[in-house]
Amino acid sequence: MFSFAHYFPFITLNAAVNKISEKVVEEQTMKETGVSTDAAQQVVVSFVKKKKNAERVEVASVEEKNGDWVFRGTCPIDLEGHPWAEKFEVIVDPKGKIKSADFSLL
């Protein structure tokens, strides 16, 4: 017969162990790569906002290429009073520094 009181401590302990192991894996990944994807994305968003004086920056894709993070996305700009969309590609090294940036109109 199934007894909830009998299995409850095992389920709770198992969930706690899983959370701890996920955190350890995440920390090891950050040590190996230097910076997480989220931290690198925040660097890119603040860089594009400052460079293009844009209020909104949308990151469409993130990929890892040769140990660097490649972020692609769009941001709205005002070109002589007309709203335009501009796409960007920003490459960030494993330490979180921007290596290159490429902007072009859509």
C-alpha atoms as a PDB file:
ATOM      1  CA  MET A   1       0.000   0.000   0.000  1.00  0.00           C
ATOM      2  CA  PHE A   2       1.287   3.483  -0.855  1.00  0.00           C
ATOM      3  CA  SER A   3       1.944   5.718   2.119  1.00  0.00           C
ATOM      4  CA  PHE A   4       2.578   9.386   1.370  1.00  0.00           C
ATOM      5  CA  ALA A   5       4.186   9.892   4.788  1.00  0.00           C
ATOM      6  CA  HIS A   6       6.661   7.106   3.999  1.00  0.00           C
ATOM      7  CA  TYR A   7       7.871   8.548   0.641  1.00  0.00           C
ATOM      8  CA  PHE A   8       7.687  12.275   1.467  1.00  0.00           C
ATOM      9  CA  PRO A   9      11.187  12.632   3.071  1.00  0.00           C
ATOM     10  CA  PHE A  10      12.798  10.840   0.125  1.00  0.00           C
ATOM     11  CA  ILE A  11      11.099  13.083  -2.444  1.00  0.00           C
ATOM     12  CA  THR A  12      12.081  16.261  -0.560  1.00  0.00           C
ATOM     13  CA  LEU A  13      15.703  15.136  -0.094  1.00  0.00           C
ATOM     14  CA  ASN A  14      15.971  14.094  -3.726  1.00  0.00           C
ATOM     15  CA  ALA A  15      14.749  17.524  -4.918  1.00  0.00           C
ATOM     16  CA  ALA A  16      17.296  19.299  -2.695  1.00  0.00           C
ATOM     17  CA  VAL A  17      20.138  17.125  -4.029  1.00  0.00           C
ATOM     18  CA  ASN A  18      19.109  17.885  -7.624  1.00  0.00           C
ATOM     19  CA  LYS A  19      19.136  21.657  -6.983  1.00  0.00           C
ATOM     20  CA  ILE A  20      22.581  21.469  -5.395  1.00  0.00           C
ATOM     21  CA  SER A  21      24.004  19.410  -8.271  1.00  0.00           C
ATOM     22  CA  GLU A  22      22.539  21.832 -10.866  1.00  0.00           C
ATOM     23  CA  LYS A  23      24.188  24.763  -9.068  1.00  0.00           C
ATOM     24  CA  VAL A  24      27.565  22.958  -8.979  1.00  0.00           C
ATOM     25  CA  VAL A  25      27.355  22.208 -12.715  1.00  0.00           C
ATOM     26  CA  GLU A  26      26.452  25.853 -13.461  1.00  0.00           C
ATOM     27  CA  GLU A  27      29.398  27.127 -11.377  1.00  0.00           C
ATOM     28  CA  GLN A  28      31.804  24.738 -13.122  1.00  0.00           C
ATOM     29  CA  THR A  29      30.550  25.878 -16.525  1.00  0.00           C
ATOM     30  CA  MET A  30      31.048  29.536 -15.563  1.00  0.00           C
ATOM     31  CA  LYS A  31      34.598  28.793 -14.377  1.00  0.00           C
ATOM     32  CA  GLU A  32      35.436  27.004 -17.615  1.00  0.00           C
ATOM     33  CA  THR A  33      33.936  29.578 -19.959  1.00  0.00           C
ATOM     34  CA  GLY A  34      34.651  32.651 -17.848  1.00  0.00           C
ATOM     35  CA  VAL A  35      31.249  34.312 -18.145  1.00  0.00           C
ATOM     36  CA  SER A  36      27.695  33.020 -18.422  1.00  0.00           C
ATOM     37  CA  THR A  37      25.449  33.638 -21.391  1.00  0.00           C
ATOM     38  CA  ASP A  38      23.147  35.864 -19.342  1.00  0.00           C
ATOM     39  CA  ALA A  39      26.008  38.052 -18.123  1.00  0.00           C
ATOM     40  CA  ALA A  40      27.407  38.363 -21.644  1.00  0.00           C
ATOM     41  CA  GLN A  41      23.937  39.252 -22.945  1.00  0.00           C
ATOM     42  CA  GLN A  42      23.623  42.030 -20.373  1.00  0.00           C
ATOM     43  CA  VAL A  43      26.976  43.420 -21.543  1.00  0.00           C
ATOM     44  CA  VAL A  44      25.781  43.369 -25.167  1.00  0.00           C
ATOM     45  CA  VAL A  45      22.422  44.996 -24.398  1.00  0.00           C
ATOM     46  CA  SER A  46      23.999  47.833 -22.425  1.00  0.00           C
ATOM     47  CA  PHE A  47      26.657  48.327 -25.140  1.00  0.00           C
ATOM     48  CA  VAL A  48      24.072  48.559 -27.946  1.00  0.00           C
ATOM     49  CA  LYS A  49      21.806  50.856 -25.905  1.00  0.00           C
ATOM     50  CA  LYS A  50      24.698  53.213 -25.248  1.00  0.00           C
ATOM     51  CA  LYS A  51      26.140  53.060 -28.771  1.00  0.00           C
ATOM     52  CA  LYS A  52      22.851  53.533 -30.656  1.00  0.00           C
ATOM     53  CA  ASN A  53      20.934  55.516 -28.018  1.00  0.00           C
ATOM     54  CA  ALA A  54      18.156  52.923 -28.222  1.00  0.00           C
ATOM     55  CA  GLU A  55      15.588  52.270 -25.529  1.00  0.00           C
ATOM     56  CA  ARG A  56      14.886  48.691 -26.565  1.00  0.00           C
ATOM     57  CA  VAL A  57      17.329  46.021 -27.714  1.00  0.00           C
ATOM     58  CA  GLU A  58      16.145  42.580 -28.782  1.00  0.00           C
ATOM     59  CA  VAL A  59      18.628  39.706 -28.856  1.00  0.00           C
ATOM     60  CA  ALA A  60      17.413  37.149 -31.383  1.00  0.00           C
ATOM     61  CA  SER A  61      20.116  34.499 -31.236  1.00  0.00           C
ATOM     62  CA  VAL A  62      23.156  33.491 -29.236  1.00  0.00           C
ATOM     63  CA  GLU A  63      25.771  31.036 -30.366  1.00  0.00           C
ATOM     64  CA  GLU A  64      29.202  29.992 -29.249  1.00  0.00           C
ATOM     65  CA  LYS A  65      31.837  30.148 -31.974  1.00  0.00           C
ATOM     66  CA  ASN A  66      35.548  29.471 -31.421  1.00  0.00           C
ATOM     67  CA  GLY A  67      35.149  30.034 -27.675  1.00  0.00           C
ATOM     68  CA  ASP A  68      33.460  33.440 -28.118  1.00  0.00           C
ATOM     69  CA  TRP A  69      29.785  34.366 -27.761  1.00  0.00           C
ATOM     70  CA  VAL A  70      28.085  35.715 -30.916  1.00  0.00           C
ATOM     71  CA  PHE A  71      24.922  37.741 -30.274  1.00  0.00           C
ATOM     72  CA  ARG A  72      22.589  38.765 -33.097  1.00  0.00           C
ATOM     73  CA  GLY A  73      19.513  40.927 -32.794  1.00  0.00           C
ATOM     74  CA  THR A  74      17.765  44.178 -33.653  1.00  0.00           C
ATOM     75  CA  CYS A  75      17.223  47.606 -32.180  1.00  0.00           C
ATOM     76  CA  PRO A  76      15.005  50.480 -33.339  1.00  0.00           C
ATOM     77  CA  ILE A  77      16.708  53.726 -34.367  1.00  0.00           C
ATOM     78  CA  ASP A  78      15.522  57.124 -35.506  1.00  0.00           C
ATOM     79  CA  LEU A  79      16.949  58.012 -38.927  1.00  0.00           C
ATOM     80  CA  GLU A  80      16.140  61.602 -39.888  1.00  0.00           C
ATOM     81  CA  GLY A  81      12.773  61.492 -38.123  1.00  0.00           C
ATOM     82  CA  HIS A  82      11.775  58.060 -39.480  1.00  0.00           C
ATOM     83  CA  PRO A  83      11.808  54.901 -37.393  1.00  0.00           C
ATOM     84  CA  TRP A  84      14.033  52.117 -38.751  1.00  0.00           C
ATOM     85  CA  ALA A  85      15.199  48.773 -37.481  1.00  0.00           C
ATOM     86  CA  GLU A  86      18.895  48.062 -37.349  1.00  0.00           C
ATOM     87  CA  LYS A  87      20.378  44.603 -36.943  1.00  0.00           C
ATOM     88  CA  PHE A  88      23.556  43.953 -35.036  1.00  0.00           C
ATOM     89  CA  GLU A  89      26.129  41.250 -34.447  1.00  0.00           C
ATOM     90  CA  VAL A  90      28.307  41.582 -31.363  1.00  0.00           C
ATOM     91  CA  ILE A  91      31.119  39.173 -30.482  1.00  0.00           C
ATOM     92  CA  VAL A  92      32.040  38.839 -26.806  1.00  0.00           C
ATOM     93  CA  ASP A  93      35.128  36.997 -25.542  1.00  0.00           C
ATOM     94  CA  PRO A  94      34.946  34.464 -22.671  1.00  0.00           C
ATOM     95  CA  LYS A  95      35.943  37.150 -20.153  1.00  0.00           C
ATOM     96  CA  GLY A  96      32.954  39.364 -21.079  1.00  0.00           C
ATOM     97  CA  LYS A  97      34.751  41.961 -23.206  1.00  0.00           C
ATOM     98  CA  ILE A  98      33.419  43.021 -26.601  1.00  0.00           C
ATOM     99  CA  LYS A  99      35.727  41.991 -29.438  1.00  0.00           C
ATOM    100  CA  SER A 100      33.767  43.404 -32.370  1.00  0.00           C
ATOM    101  CA  ALA A 101      30.398  44.847 -33.321  1.00  0.00           C
ATOM    102  CA  ASP A 102      28.686  45.110 -36.699  1.00  0.00           C
ATOM    103  CA  PHE A 103      25.566  47.182 -37.345  1.00  0.00           C
ATOM    104  CA  SER A 104      23.483  47.403 -40.535  1.00  0.00           C
ATOM    105  CA  LEU A 105      20.022  48.623 -41.530  1.00  0.00           C
ATOM    106  CA  LEU A 106      17.334  46.069 -42.260  1.00  0.00           C
END
